[in-house]
Amino acid sequence: MVEIMTANLLSAIAVFVSTSIDYLVILTIVFAQTRSRRGVTHVTLGLYLGTAILVISSLLAAYVLHFIPEEWIIGLTPKGCVA
Protein backbone atom coordinates (compact mmCIF):
# COMPACT_ATOMS: atom_id res chain seq x y z
CA MET A 1 0.00 0.00 0.00
CA VAL A 2 2.82 2.40 0.86
CA GLU A 3 4.56 1.62 -2.42
CA ILE A 4 1.43 2.52 -4.39
CA MET A 5 1.01 5.79 -2.49
CA THR A 6 4.67 6.65 -3.05
CA ALA A 7 4.37 5.90 -6.75
CA ASN A 8 1.22 8.02 -7.00
CA LEU A 9 2.89 10.89 -5.15
CA LEU A 10 5.97 10.79 -7.38
CA SER A 11 3.76 10.62 -10.46
CA ALA A 12 1.74 13.63 -9.27
CA ILE A 13 4.93 15.62 -8.63
CA ALA A 14 6.27 14.75 -12.08
CA VAL A 15 3.02 15.79 -13.76
CA PHE A 16 2.92 19.06 -11.80
CA VAL A 17 6.51 19.93 -12.68
CA SER A 18 6.13 19.03 -16.34
CA THR A 19 2.98 21.11 -16.77
CA SER A 20 4.28 24.08 -14.77
CA ILE A 21 7.57 24.69 -16.57
CA ASP A 22 6.03 27.02 -19.16
CA TYR A 23 4.20 28.87 -16.39
CA LEU A 24 7.53 29.36 -14.59
CA VAL A 25 9.09 30.86 -17.72
CA ILE A 26 6.17 33.27 -18.21
CA LEU A 27 6.27 34.35 -14.56
CA THR A 28 10.02 34.89 -14.76
CA ILE A 29 9.53 37.21 -17.74
CA VAL A 30 6.72 39.12 -16.02
CA PHE A 31 8.70 39.50 -12.78
CA ALA A 32 11.72 40.72 -14.76
CA GLN A 33 9.59 43.47 -16.31
CA THR A 34 8.18 44.79 -13.04
CA ARG A 35 10.09 47.74 -11.63
CA SER A 36 8.28 48.50 -8.38
CA ARG A 37 7.32 46.68 -5.23
CA ARG A 38 3.67 47.30 -6.12
CA GLY A 39 4.11 45.56 -9.48
CA VAL A 40 5.61 42.51 -7.78
CA THR A 41 2.65 42.46 -5.40
CA HIS A 42 0.20 42.62 -8.31
CA VAL A 43 1.93 39.77 -10.13
CA THR A 44 1.97 37.64 -6.97
CA LEU A 45 -1.69 38.33 -6.20
CA GLY A 46 -2.60 37.60 -9.82
CA LEU A 47 -0.73 34.30 -9.63
CA TYR A 48 -2.65 33.16 -6.56
CA LEU A 49 -5.97 34.54 -7.76
CA GLY A 50 -5.63 32.81 -11.13
CA THR A 51 -4.71 29.51 -9.52
CA ALA A 52 -7.62 29.79 -7.09
CA ILE A 53 -10.05 30.50 -9.95
CA LEU A 54 -8.82 27.43 -11.85
CA VAL A 55 -9.11 25.17 -8.81
CA ILE A 56 -12.55 26.46 -7.83
CA SER A 57 -13.91 26.19 -11.38
CA SER A 58 -12.57 22.63 -11.67
CA LEU A 59 -14.18 21.63 -8.39
CA LEU A 60 -17.45 23.26 -9.41
CA ALA A 61 -17.40 21.47 -12.79
CA ALA A 62 -16.72 18.12 -11.09
CA TYR A 63 -19.58 18.75 -8.67
CA VAL A 64 -22.02 19.66 -11.45
CA LEU A 65 -20.97 16.71 -13.62
CA HIS A 66 -21.73 14.41 -10.72
CA PHE A 67 -25.44 15.12 -11.19
CA ILE A 68 -25.55 14.64 -14.97
CA PRO A 69 -26.54 11.10 -16.00
CA GLU A 70 -23.80 9.10 -17.69
CA GLU A 71 -26.01 8.49 -20.70
CA TRP A 72 -26.02 12.22 -21.43
CA ILE A 73 -22.23 12.44 -21.50
CA ILE A 74 -21.70 10.51 -24.73
CA GLY A 75 -18.51 11.89 -26.26
CA LEU A 76 -16.54 12.76 -23.14
CA THR A 77 -15.44 9.30 -22.02
CA PRO A 78 -14.63 6.11 -23.93
CA LYS A 79 -17.09 3.24 -23.46
CA GLY A 80 -14.62 1.07 -21.54
CA CYS A 81 -13.87 3.80 -18.97
CA VAL A 82 -17.40 4.22 -17.62
CA ALA A 83 -17.90 2.12 -14.50
C-alpha atoms as a PDB file:
ATOM      1  CA  MET A   1       0.000   0.000   0.000  1.00  0.00           C
ATOM      2  CA  VAL A   2       2.818   2.404   0.861  1.00  0.00           C
ATOM      3  CA  GLU A   3       4.563   1.617  -2.422  1.00  0.00           C
ATOM      4  CA  ILE A   4       1.429   2.519  -4.388  1.00  0.00           C
ATOM      5  CA  MET A   5       1.009   5.787  -2.492  1.00  0.00           C
ATOM      6  CA  THR A   6       4.672   6.649  -3.051  1.00  0.00           C
ATOM      7  CA  ALA A   7       4.366   5.899  -6.748  1.00  0.00           C
ATOM      8  CA  ASN A   8       1.223   8.024  -6.996  1.00  0.00           C
ATOM      9  CA  LEU A   9       2.894  10.886  -5.149  1.00  0.00           C
ATOM     10  CA  LEU A  10       5.969  10.789  -7.380  1.00  0.00           C
ATOM     11  CA  SER A  11       3.756  10.624 -10.460  1.00  0.00           C
ATOM     12  CA  ALA A  12       1.742  13.634  -9.271  1.00  0.00           C
ATOM     13  CA  ILE A  13       4.927  15.622  -8.633  1.00  0.00           C
ATOM     14  CA  ALA A  14       6.270  14.753 -12.077  1.00  0.00           C
ATOM     15  CA  VAL A  15       3.018  15.790 -13.758  1.00  0.00           C
ATOM     16  CA  PHE A  16       2.920  19.062 -11.802  1.00  0.00           C
ATOM     17  CA  VAL A  17       6.506  19.935 -12.685  1.00  0.00           C
ATOM     18  CA  SER A  18       6.126  19.027 -16.345  1.00  0.00           C
ATOM     19  CA  THR A  19       2.982  21.107 -16.772  1.00  0.00           C
ATOM     20  CA  SER A  20       4.280  24.077 -14.772  1.00  0.00           C
ATOM     21  CA  ILE A  21       7.573  24.690 -16.572  1.00  0.00           C
ATOM     22  CA  ASP A  22       6.033  27.023 -19.164  1.00  0.00           C
ATOM     23  CA  TYR A  23       4.203  28.872 -16.390  1.00  0.00           C
ATOM     24  CA  LEU A  24       7.527  29.357 -14.590  1.00  0.00           C
ATOM     25  CA  VAL A  25       9.093  30.856 -17.722  1.00  0.00           C
ATOM     26  CA  ILE A  26       6.174  33.272 -18.206  1.00  0.00           C
ATOM     27  CA  LEU A  27       6.267  34.350 -14.564  1.00  0.00           C
ATOM     28  CA  THR A  28      10.024  34.895 -14.755  1.00  0.00           C
ATOM     29  CA  ILE A  29       9.533  37.207 -17.736  1.00  0.00           C
ATOM     30  CA  VAL A  30       6.716  39.119 -16.022  1.00  0.00           C
ATOM     31  CA  PHE A  31       8.703  39.503 -12.779  1.00  0.00           C
ATOM     32  CA  ALA A  32      11.721  40.717 -14.764  1.00  0.00           C
ATOM     33  CA  GLN A  33       9.588  43.474 -16.314  1.00  0.00           C
ATOM     34  CA  THR A  34       8.185  44.794 -13.037  1.00  0.00           C
ATOM     35  CA  ARG A  35      10.089  47.741 -11.630  1.00  0.00           C
ATOM     36  CA  SER A  36       8.277  48.497  -8.377  1.00  0.00           C
ATOM     37  CA  ARG A  37       7.316  46.685  -5.228  1.00  0.00           C
ATOM     38  CA  ARG A  38       3.667  47.296  -6.118  1.00  0.00           C
ATOM     39  CA  GLY A  39       4.115  45.558  -9.475  1.00  0.00           C
ATOM     40  CA  VAL A  40       5.608  42.512  -7.782  1.00  0.00           C
ATOM     41  CA  THR A  41       2.645  42.460  -5.398  1.00  0.00           C
ATOM     42  CA  HIS A  42       0.197  42.620  -8.307  1.00  0.00           C
ATOM     43  CA  VAL A  43       1.927  39.768 -10.133  1.00  0.00           C
ATOM     44  CA  THR A  44       1.968  37.638  -6.974  1.00  0.00           C
ATOM     45  CA  LEU A  45      -1.690  38.328  -6.204  1.00  0.00           C
ATOM     46  CA  GLY A  46      -2.600  37.599  -9.824  1.00  0.00           C
ATOM     47  CA  LEU A  47      -0.726  34.301  -9.629  1.00  0.00           C
ATOM     48  CA  TYR A  48      -2.646  33.157  -6.559  1.00  0.00           C
ATOM     49  CA  LEU A  49      -5.969  34.543  -7.756  1.00  0.00           C
ATOM     50  CA  GLY A  50      -5.632  32.809 -11.133  1.00  0.00           C
ATOM     51  CA  THR A  51      -4.706  29.513  -9.521  1.00  0.00           C
ATOM     52  CA  ALA A  52      -7.621  29.786  -7.086  1.00  0.00           C
ATOM     53  CA  ILE A  53     -10.046  30.500  -9.952  1.00  0.00           C
ATOM     54  CA  LEU A  54      -8.823  27.430 -11.851  1.00  0.00           C
ATOM     55  CA  VAL A  55      -9.108  25.168  -8.807  1.00  0.00           C
ATOM     56  CA  ILE A  56     -12.555  26.457  -7.827  1.00  0.00           C
ATOM     57  CA  SER A  57     -13.911  26.190 -11.376  1.00  0.00           C
ATOM     58  CA  SER A  58     -12.568  22.626 -11.669  1.00  0.00           C
ATOM     59  CA  LEU A  59     -14.185  21.631  -8.391  1.00  0.00           C
ATOM     60  CA  LEU A  60     -17.449  23.259  -9.411  1.00  0.00           C
ATOM     61  CA  ALA A  61     -17.405  21.473 -12.793  1.00  0.00           C
ATOM     62  CA  ALA A  62     -16.722  18.123 -11.091  1.00  0.00           C
ATOM     63  CA  TYR A  63     -19.584  18.748  -8.668  1.00  0.00           C
ATOM     64  CA  VAL A  64     -22.015  19.659 -11.447  1.00  0.00           C
ATOM     65  CA  LEU A  65     -20.970  16.709 -13.625  1.00  0.00           C
ATOM     66  CA  HIS A  66     -21.727  14.407 -10.720  1.00  0.00           C
ATOM     67  CA  PHE A  67     -25.444  15.124 -11.188  1.00  0.00           C
ATOM     68  CA  ILE A  68     -25.549  14.643 -14.972  1.00  0.00           C
ATOM     69  CA  PRO A  69     -26.543  11.097 -15.996  1.00  0.00           C
ATOM     70  CA  GLU A  70     -23.797   9.105 -17.686  1.00  0.00           C
ATOM     71  CA  GLU A  71     -26.009   8.489 -20.703  1.00  0.00           C
ATOM     72  CA  TRP A  72     -26.022  12.225 -21.433  1.00  0.00           C
ATOM     73  CA  ILE A  73     -22.230  12.437 -21.501  1.00  0.00           C
ATOM     74  CA  ILE A  74     -21.696  10.513 -24.726  1.00  0.00           C
ATOM     75  CA  GLY A  75     -18.508  11.890 -26.258  1.00  0.00           C
ATOM     76  CA  LEU A  76     -16.536  12.763 -23.143  1.00  0.00           C
ATOM     77  CA  THR A  77     -15.439   9.297 -22.017  1.00  0.00           C
ATOM     78  CA  PRO A  78     -14.632   6.112 -23.926  1.00  0.00           C
ATOM     79  CA  LYS A  79     -17.086   3.238 -23.463  1.00  0.00           C
ATOM     80  CA  GLY A  80     -14.618   1.073 -21.543  1.00  0.00           C
ATOM     81  CA  CYS A  81     -13.875   3.798 -18.970  1.00  0.00           C
ATOM     82  CA  VAL A  82     -17.396   4.217 -17.621  1.00  0.00           C
ATOM     83  CA  ALA A  83     -17.904   2.119 -14.496  1.00  0.00           C
END
